[in-house]
């Protein structure tokens, strides 16, 4: 296990990569509404993808904490779209394949995901089924020794660049949650197509797509984690997804506060910097305190995850409180920027719109509350 000094050294390398390879181009990527495919290869070459994948599949075999550093620093820098893309690839898709896949599936995809040769996406949400996964209509029907997949997914992060999809389907529409199965789907297969790159309120540089499946033929060996076990497997993997979102939210809050402190110390009003006004000082002190408390809980959850002990409830608490706080921090920090906060030349305006999705994806705040309530009230 890496010690704290090694983790901080890795953090410095992540910061340098972001400064050199991302910061000079990010505004352009936001306008283009996706970043170039070659960035994935650069991330892989720099050792910034799937770092906790075992060495036999090309990774470092590090802990989740090291993987979280990458998303944290992208979030702290205000690159929310990039943080989202990377977290889906490294902290959602790769663990699904690592934890649930056959040896053949692991060998086929994990080394390529580490290098950036293959980009991962996860296909759960449908036009008529968001948080209600049991309402999905995408089907995988048996066809000889394999299956044919038909259906549609939407709001898929990495949808324009993905090479492999962990796809949620119904293999038995009459069996409820026990009729759901996951597949690894190669995006080069006939019948797979990408829809348009969806225009979003924020996270503009993150490609987000509709995906279509028309008689996509896959072998039974592409089932991930067992037929009919998809819903249970999704539930088992969701705590990590929610934890990485929480850690990114905390880092985004820290970045917004840091930039706002700098702005308020430089901005003059009535003959003094606005950081001297009591309101400014109290707002920033209050936000700093709330972030510090949430950061401590997320660190506790990270330790629990590394020990294999992170509960669904604790992951939900972390996701709920940190993403709600991110919205508050974005709003109050923008207010301290005054009229300039509404101008796109200031990063806080992007921070503000990027924060909004955090309370929706990975399970809405309302779903998080329901999970917590069921735990404390006994259903």
Protein backbone atom coordinates (compact mmCIF):
# COMPACT_ATOMS: atom_id res chain seq x y z
CA UNK A 1 0.00 0.00 0.00
CA UNK A 2 1.25 3.48 -0.87
CA UNK A 3 2.07 5.85 1.99
CA UNK A 4 0.84 9.44 2.12
CA UNK A 5 4.06 10.86 0.66
CA UNK A 6 3.73 8.63 -2.40
CA UNK A 7 0.09 9.61 -2.80
CA UNK A 8 1.00 13.31 -2.68
CA UNK A 9 3.78 12.77 -5.22
CA UNK A 10 1.23 11.15 -7.51
CA UNK A 11 -1.12 14.08 -6.87
CA UNK A 12 1.61 16.48 -8.01
CA UNK A 13 1.99 14.49 -11.24
CA UNK A 14 -1.76 14.69 -11.85
CA UNK A 15 -1.69 18.46 -11.31
CA UNK A 16 1.19 18.86 -13.77
CA UNK A 17 -0.64 16.82 -16.40
CA UNK A 18 -3.76 18.95 -15.98
CA UNK A 19 -1.74 22.16 -16.18
CA UNK A 20 0.13 21.09 -19.33
CA UNK A 21 -2.34 18.95 -21.26
CA UNK A 22 -5.76 20.18 -20.18
CA UNK A 23 -5.80 23.76 -18.92
CA UNK A 24 -4.56 25.38 -22.18
CA UNK A 25 -7.30 23.66 -24.21
CA UNK A 26 -10.24 23.25 -21.85
CA UNK A 27 -12.19 26.32 -22.91
CA UNK A 28 -11.91 25.20 -26.52
CA UNK A 29 -13.15 21.72 -25.62
CA UNK A 30 -16.09 23.22 -23.75
CA UNK A 31 -17.08 25.10 -26.90
CA UNK A 32 -16.62 21.98 -29.05
CA UNK A 33 -18.71 20.04 -26.47
CA UNK A 34 -16.27 17.15 -26.24
CA UNK A 35 -12.57 16.68 -25.81
CA UNK A 36 -10.43 14.97 -28.46
CA UNK A 37 -10.16 11.19 -28.52
CA UNK A 38 -6.36 11.37 -28.27
CA UNK A 39 -6.61 12.79 -24.75
CA UNK A 40 -7.54 9.29 -23.59
CA UNK A 41 -4.27 7.99 -25.01
CA UNK A 42 -2.35 10.80 -23.28
CA UNK A 43 -4.03 9.98 -19.98
CA UNK A 44 -3.08 6.35 -20.44
CA UNK A 45 0.53 7.17 -21.34
CA UNK A 46 0.76 9.31 -18.19
CA UNK A 47 -0.52 6.42 -16.05
CA UNK A 48 -3.73 8.21 -15.07
CA UNK A 49 -6.31 5.59 -16.05
CA UNK A 50 -7.52 2.60 -14.03
CA UNK A 51 -4.60 2.82 -11.60
CA UNK A 52 -6.14 0.33 -9.17
CA UNK A 53 -6.45 -2.37 -11.83
CA UNK A 54 -4.08 -5.25 -10.91
CA UNK A 55 -0.64 -5.38 -12.53
CA UNK A 56 -1.48 -8.53 -14.52
CA UNK A 57 -3.97 -6.41 -16.49
CA UNK A 58 -1.63 -3.45 -16.95
CA UNK A 59 -2.55 -1.30 -13.96
CA UNK A 60 -0.55 -0.31 -10.88
CA UNK A 61 -2.50 -2.51 -8.50
CA UNK A 62 -2.93 0.58 -6.30
CA UNK A 63 -5.79 1.28 -3.90
CA UNK A 64 -8.96 3.16 -4.73
CA UNK A 65 -7.55 6.18 -2.88
CA UNK A 66 -4.97 6.69 -5.63
CA UNK A 67 -7.62 6.46 -8.34
CA UNK A 68 -9.66 9.05 -6.47
CA UNK A 69 -6.77 11.54 -6.62
CA UNK A 70 -7.22 11.89 -10.38
CA UNK A 71 -10.91 12.75 -10.15
CA UNK A 72 -10.28 15.00 -7.15
CA UNK A 73 -7.66 17.09 -8.92
CA UNK A 74 -9.67 17.42 -12.13
CA UNK A 75 -12.64 18.53 -10.03
CA UNK A 76 -10.57 20.92 -7.93
CA UNK A 77 -9.21 22.57 -11.08
CA UNK A 78 -12.73 23.19 -12.33
CA UNK A 79 -12.63 20.53 -15.05
CA UNK A 80 -15.88 18.87 -14.02
CA UNK A 81 -16.58 17.38 -17.43
CA UNK A 82 -13.19 15.65 -17.54
CA UNK A 83 -13.62 14.38 -13.98
CA UNK A 84 -16.96 12.86 -15.00
CA UNK A 85 -15.53 11.13 -18.09
CA UNK A 86 -12.56 9.70 -16.20
CA UNK A 87 -14.63 8.51 -13.23
CA UNK A 88 -17.00 6.59 -15.52
CA UNK A 89 -14.08 4.94 -17.31
CA UNK A 90 -11.79 4.18 -14.35
CA UNK A 91 -14.08 4.05 -11.33
CA UNK A 92 -17.24 2.52 -12.75
CA UNK A 93 -16.65 0.50 -15.94
CA UNK A 94 -13.24 -0.94 -15.04
CA UNK A 95 -14.35 -2.17 -11.57
CA UNK A 96 -17.44 -3.81 -13.09
CA UNK A 97 -15.25 -5.78 -15.49
CA UNK A 98 -12.60 -6.51 -12.84
CA UNK A 99 -15.03 -7.68 -10.17
CA UNK A 100 -17.61 -9.45 -12.35
CA UNK A 101 -15.88 -10.41 -15.58
CA UNK A 102 -14.48 -13.73 -16.76
CA UNK A 103 -10.75 -13.97 -17.30
CA UNK A 104 -11.38 -13.57 -21.03
CA UNK A 105 -13.38 -10.37 -20.48
CA UNK A 106 -10.71 -8.96 -18.20
CA UNK A 107 -7.90 -9.75 -20.65
CA UNK A 108 -9.90 -8.35 -23.56
CA UNK A 109 -10.66 -4.95 -22.04
CA UNK A 110 -8.73 -3.98 -18.93
CA UNK A 111 -5.22 -3.61 -20.49
CA UNK A 112 -6.71 -1.46 -23.27
CA UNK A 113 -8.60 0.65 -20.75
CA UNK A 114 -5.39 1.25 -18.78
CA UNK A 115 -3.60 2.57 -21.87
CA UNK A 116 -6.55 4.54 -23.19
CA UNK A 117 -6.76 2.37 -26.30
CA UNK A 118 -10.31 1.47 -25.25
CA UNK A 119 -12.74 3.89 -23.60
CA UNK A 120 -15.44 2.56 -21.31
CA UNK A 121 -19.08 3.61 -20.87
CA UNK A 122 -21.96 2.24 -18.84
CA UNK A 123 -25.41 1.91 -20.35
CA UNK A 124 -28.16 2.04 -17.74
CA UNK A 125 -30.40 5.08 -18.27
CA UNK A 126 -33.13 4.96 -20.91
CA UNK A 127 -35.53 7.65 -22.17
CA UNK A 128 -38.28 6.17 -19.97
CA UNK A 129 -36.16 4.71 -17.16
CA UNK A 130 -33.74 6.77 -15.11
CA UNK A 131 -33.45 5.92 -11.43
CA UNK A 132 -36.08 3.18 -11.93
CA UNK A 133 -33.77 0.61 -13.46
CA UNK A 134 -36.43 -2.09 -13.33
CA UNK A 135 -38.40 -0.08 -15.86
CA UNK A 136 -35.81 -0.47 -18.60
CA UNK A 137 -36.89 -1.85 -21.97
CA UNK A 138 -33.57 -2.79 -23.62
CA UNK A 139 -33.72 -6.53 -24.20
CA UNK A 140 -31.24 -9.31 -24.79
CA UNK A 141 -33.13 -12.23 -26.31
CA UNK A 142 -31.57 -15.66 -26.70
CA UNK A 143 -30.53 -16.42 -30.25
CA UNK A 144 -28.87 -19.80 -30.69
CA UNK A 145 -25.80 -19.91 -28.45
CA UNK A 146 -25.86 -16.16 -27.94
CA UNK A 147 -28.15 -13.16 -27.63
CA UNK A 148 -29.49 -10.36 -29.77
CA UNK A 149 -29.77 -6.97 -28.09
CA UNK A 150 -32.35 -4.36 -29.02
CA UNK A 151 -33.03 -1.09 -27.32
CA UNK A 152 -31.90 2.44 -26.59
CA UNK A 153 -29.90 4.19 -23.89
CA UNK A 154 -29.53 7.90 -23.23
CA UNK A 155 -27.43 10.36 -21.21
CA UNK A 156 -24.43 8.04 -21.68
CA UNK A 157 -21.14 9.62 -20.59
CA UNK A 158 -18.29 8.76 -23.01
CA UNK A 159 -20.93 7.80 -25.56
CA UNK A 160 -19.15 9.38 -28.50
CA UNK A 161 -15.76 7.85 -27.75
CA UNK A 162 -16.60 4.53 -26.07
CA UNK A 163 -15.20 1.24 -27.32
CA UNK A 164 -16.82 -1.01 -24.72
CA UNK A 165 -20.11 -0.64 -22.87
CA UNK A 166 -21.22 -2.35 -19.70
CA UNK A 167 -24.84 -2.64 -20.78
CA UNK A 168 -27.86 -3.31 -18.59
CA UNK A 169 -30.56 -5.35 -20.36
CA UNK A 170 -33.63 -7.42 -19.64
CA UNK A 171 -33.02 -11.10 -20.36
CA UNK A 172 -36.33 -12.10 -18.78
CA UNK A 173 -38.88 -9.26 -18.89
CA UNK A 174 -41.26 -11.19 -16.63
CA UNK A 175 -38.84 -11.81 -13.77
CA UNK A 176 -38.61 -8.30 -12.31
CA UNK A 177 -35.20 -7.44 -10.89
CA UNK A 178 -34.08 -11.06 -11.39
CA UNK A 179 -34.61 -10.69 -15.13
CA UNK A 180 -31.85 -8.12 -15.61
CA UNK A 181 -28.41 -9.02 -16.97
CA UNK A 182 -25.24 -7.08 -17.74
CA UNK A 183 -23.17 -7.53 -20.89
CA UNK A 184 -19.86 -6.24 -22.15
CA UNK A 185 -20.66 -4.94 -25.62
CA UNK A 186 -17.96 -4.17 -28.19
CA UNK A 187 -18.92 -0.92 -29.91
CA UNK A 188 -17.56 -2.14 -33.25
CA UNK A 189 -20.32 -4.77 -33.51
CA UNK A 190 -22.89 -4.47 -36.32
CA UNK A 191 -26.17 -3.00 -35.17
CA UNK A 192 -24.63 -0.64 -32.62
CA UNK A 193 -24.90 3.07 -33.40
CA UNK A 194 -24.35 6.36 -31.63
CA UNK A 195 -26.88 9.12 -31.63
CA UNK A 196 -26.12 12.80 -31.38
CA UNK A 197 -23.82 14.32 -28.82
CA UNK A 198 -26.39 15.76 -26.43
CA UNK A 199 -26.35 19.47 -25.61
CA UNK A 200 -26.26 20.01 -21.86
CA UNK A 201 -26.60 22.81 -19.35
CA UNK A 202 -23.09 22.12 -18.04
CA UNK A 203 -20.25 19.62 -18.38
CA UNK A 204 -20.02 20.75 -21.99
CA UNK A 205 -16.67 19.08 -22.70
CA UNK A 206 -18.03 15.68 -21.63
CA UNK A 207 -19.49 13.78 -24.56
CA UNK A 208 -22.94 12.52 -23.60
CA UNK A 209 -24.90 10.48 -26.09
CA UNK A 210 -27.86 8.43 -27.09
CA UNK A 211 -26.90 4.84 -27.99
CA UNK A 212 -28.90 2.44 -30.15
CA UNK A 213 -28.86 -1.35 -30.37
CA UNK A 214 -30.54 -3.09 -33.29
CA UNK A 215 -30.10 -6.86 -33.37
CA UNK A 216 -26.60 -6.58 -31.87
CA UNK A 217 -25.37 -10.17 -31.67
CA UNK A 218 -23.28 -11.05 -28.63
CA UNK A 219 -22.07 -14.36 -27.29
CA UNK A 220 -23.16 -15.79 -23.96
CA UNK A 221 -19.55 -15.28 -22.87
CA UNK A 222 -20.20 -11.53 -22.85
CA UNK A 223 -22.64 -11.77 -19.94
CA UNK A 224 -21.05 -9.92 -17.03
CA UNK A 225 -21.53 -11.42 -13.59
CA UNK A 226 -24.12 -14.06 -14.48
CA UNK A 227 -27.49 -14.12 -16.23
CA UNK A 228 -30.28 -12.61 -14.17
CA UNK A 229 -27.84 -11.15 -11.64
CA UNK A 230 -27.53 -7.71 -13.22
CA UNK A 231 -29.63 -5.81 -10.70
CA UNK A 232 -27.83 -7.29 -7.70
CA UNK A 233 -24.46 -6.61 -9.31
CA UNK A 234 -25.44 -3.01 -10.02
CA UNK A 235 -26.42 -2.54 -6.39
CA UNK A 236 -23.10 -4.00 -5.23
CA UNK A 237 -21.05 -1.69 -7.44
CA UNK A 238 -23.01 1.53 -6.88
CA UNK A 239 -21.31 2.44 -3.55
CA UNK A 240 -18.01 3.06 -5.32
CA UNK A 241 -19.72 5.18 -7.97
CA UNK A 242 -21.38 7.29 -5.31
CA UNK A 243 -18.18 7.59 -3.29
CA UNK A 244 -16.16 8.86 -6.26
CA UNK A 245 -18.89 11.41 -6.96
CA UNK A 246 -18.72 12.54 -3.33
CA UNK A 247 -14.94 12.85 -3.39
CA UNK A 248 -15.11 14.85 -6.61
CA UNK A 249 -17.77 17.11 -5.08
CA UNK A 250 -15.60 17.86 -2.04
CA UNK A 251 -12.60 18.67 -4.22
CA UNK A 252 -14.75 20.87 -6.48
CA UNK A 253 -15.92 22.76 -3.38
CA UNK A 254 -12.33 23.26 -2.26
CA UNK A 255 -11.35 24.57 -5.69
CA UNK A 256 -14.26 27.02 -5.80
CA UNK A 257 -13.45 28.32 -2.33
CA UNK A 258 -9.75 28.71 -3.17
CA UNK A 259 -10.54 30.71 -6.31
CA UNK A 260 -13.10 32.82 -4.46
CA UNK A 261 -10.65 33.64 -1.66
CA UNK A 262 -8.16 34.82 -4.27
CA UNK A 263 -10.80 36.92 -6.01
CA UNK A 264 -12.13 38.54 -2.83
CA UNK A 265 -8.62 39.44 -1.70
CA UNK A 266 -7.94 41.21 -5.00
CA UNK A 267 -11.34 42.82 -5.61
CA UNK A 268 -11.65 46.29 -4.06
CA UNK A 269 -14.84 48.01 -2.89
CA UNK A 270 -15.25 51.08 -0.72
CA UNK A 271 -11.50 51.40 -0.34
CA UNK A 272 -10.72 47.87 0.82
CA UNK A 273 -10.67 44.31 -0.46
CA UNK A 274 -14.05 42.64 -0.18
CA UNK A 275 -12.37 39.89 1.86
CA UNK A 276 -12.33 42.42 4.71
CA UNK A 277 -16.13 42.64 4.90
CA UNK A 278 -17.72 40.57 7.63
CA UNK A 279 -20.25 38.97 5.28
CA UNK A 280 -17.50 37.73 2.97
CA UNK A 281 -15.49 36.35 5.86
CA UNK A 282 -18.45 34.59 7.47
CA UNK A 283 -19.68 33.08 4.21
CA UNK A 284 -16.25 31.68 3.40
CA UNK A 285 -15.69 30.46 6.97
CA UNK A 286 -19.05 28.67 6.97
CA UNK A 287 -18.40 27.02 3.60
CA UNK A 288 -14.90 25.96 4.65
CA UNK A 289 -16.26 24.38 7.83
CA UNK A 290 -18.95 22.43 5.99
CA UNK A 291 -16.47 21.17 3.41
CA UNK A 292 -14.03 20.10 6.14
CA UNK A 293 -16.71 18.01 7.88
CA UNK A 294 -17.83 16.38 4.62
CA UNK A 295 -14.22 15.69 3.65
CA UNK A 296 -13.62 13.88 6.93
CA UNK A 297 -16.67 11.66 6.41
CA UNK A 298 -15.60 10.89 2.82
CA UNK A 299 -12.14 9.94 4.06
CA UNK A 300 -13.79 7.56 6.53
CA UNK A 301 -15.87 6.09 3.69
CA UNK A 302 -12.75 5.68 1.55
CA UNK A 303 -11.09 3.71 4.34
CA UNK A 304 -14.22 1.56 4.58
CA UNK A 305 -14.21 0.94 0.83
CA UNK A 306 -10.56 -0.10 0.87
CA UNK A 307 -11.43 -2.62 3.60
CA UNK A 308 -14.48 -3.84 1.67
CA UNK A 309 -16.80 -2.45 4.34
CA UNK A 310 -18.47 0.57 2.71
CA UNK A 311 -22.23 0.27 3.17
CA UNK A 312 -24.84 1.41 0.68
CA UNK A 313 -26.17 3.80 3.32
CA UNK A 314 -22.84 5.48 4.04
CA UNK A 315 -22.11 5.83 0.32
CA UNK A 316 -25.55 7.40 -0.10
CA UNK A 317 -24.98 9.80 2.81
CA UNK A 318 -21.67 10.87 1.31
CA UNK A 319 -23.15 11.37 -2.14
CA UNK A 320 -26.20 13.24 -0.83
CA UNK A 321 -24.46 15.68 1.49
CA UNK A 322 -21.45 16.51 -0.65
CA UNK A 323 -23.32 17.10 -3.89
CA UNK A 324 -25.96 19.20 -2.15
CA UNK A 325 -23.13 21.18 -0.56
CA UNK A 326 -21.45 21.61 -3.95
CA UNK A 327 -24.53 23.44 -5.19
CA UNK A 328 -24.51 25.73 -2.14
CA UNK A 329 -20.80 26.48 -2.49
CA UNK A 330 -21.17 27.25 -6.19
CA UNK A 331 -24.06 29.62 -5.53
CA UNK A 332 -22.47 31.49 -2.63
CA UNK A 333 -19.04 31.73 -4.25
CA UNK A 334 -20.60 33.08 -7.44
CA UNK A 335 -22.47 35.67 -5.35
CA UNK A 336 -19.17 36.85 -3.85
CA UNK A 337 -17.89 37.44 -7.38
CA UNK A 338 -20.73 39.86 -8.01
CA UNK A 339 -21.47 40.63 -11.65
CA UNK A 340 -18.20 39.07 -12.74
CA UNK A 341 -19.38 35.73 -11.44
CA UNK A 342 -21.99 35.70 -14.19
CA UNK A 343 -19.34 36.17 -16.87
CA UNK A 344 -17.94 33.08 -18.56
CA UNK A 345 -14.39 34.41 -18.34
CA UNK A 346 -14.51 33.58 -14.63
CA UNK A 347 -14.33 29.88 -13.76
CA UNK A 348 -17.01 30.18 -11.09
CA UNK A 349 -19.69 30.55 -13.77
CA UNK A 350 -18.74 27.14 -15.17
CA UNK A 351 -18.44 25.71 -11.66
CA UNK A 352 -22.02 26.81 -11.05
CA UNK A 353 -23.60 25.01 -14.00
CA UNK A 354 -21.33 21.97 -13.68
CA UNK A 355 -22.39 21.49 -10.06
CA UNK A 356 -26.05 21.01 -10.89
CA UNK A 357 -25.77 17.53 -12.43
CA UNK A 358 -24.08 16.16 -9.31
CA UNK A 359 -27.43 15.93 -7.51
CA UNK A 360 -28.92 13.92 -10.37
CA UNK A 361 -26.55 11.32 -11.81
CA UNK A 362 -25.32 8.36 -9.84
CA UNK A 363 -28.71 8.39 -8.11
CA UNK A 364 -30.68 11.56 -7.41
CA UNK A 365 -30.68 13.23 -4.01
CA UNK A 366 -34.22 11.97 -3.57
CA UNK A 367 -33.14 8.38 -4.18
CA UNK A 368 -30.25 8.83 -1.71
CA UNK A 369 -32.73 10.03 0.93
CA UNK A 370 -34.99 7.04 0.27
CA UNK A 371 -32.05 4.61 0.69
CA UNK A 372 -31.06 6.27 3.96
CA UNK A 373 -34.65 6.35 5.19
CA UNK A 374 -35.16 2.65 4.50
CA UNK A 375 -32.04 1.87 6.53
CA UNK A 376 -32.98 3.94 9.57
CA UNK A 377 -36.73 3.28 9.48
CA UNK A 378 -36.68 -0.36 8.39
CA UNK A 379 -38.31 0.03 4.92
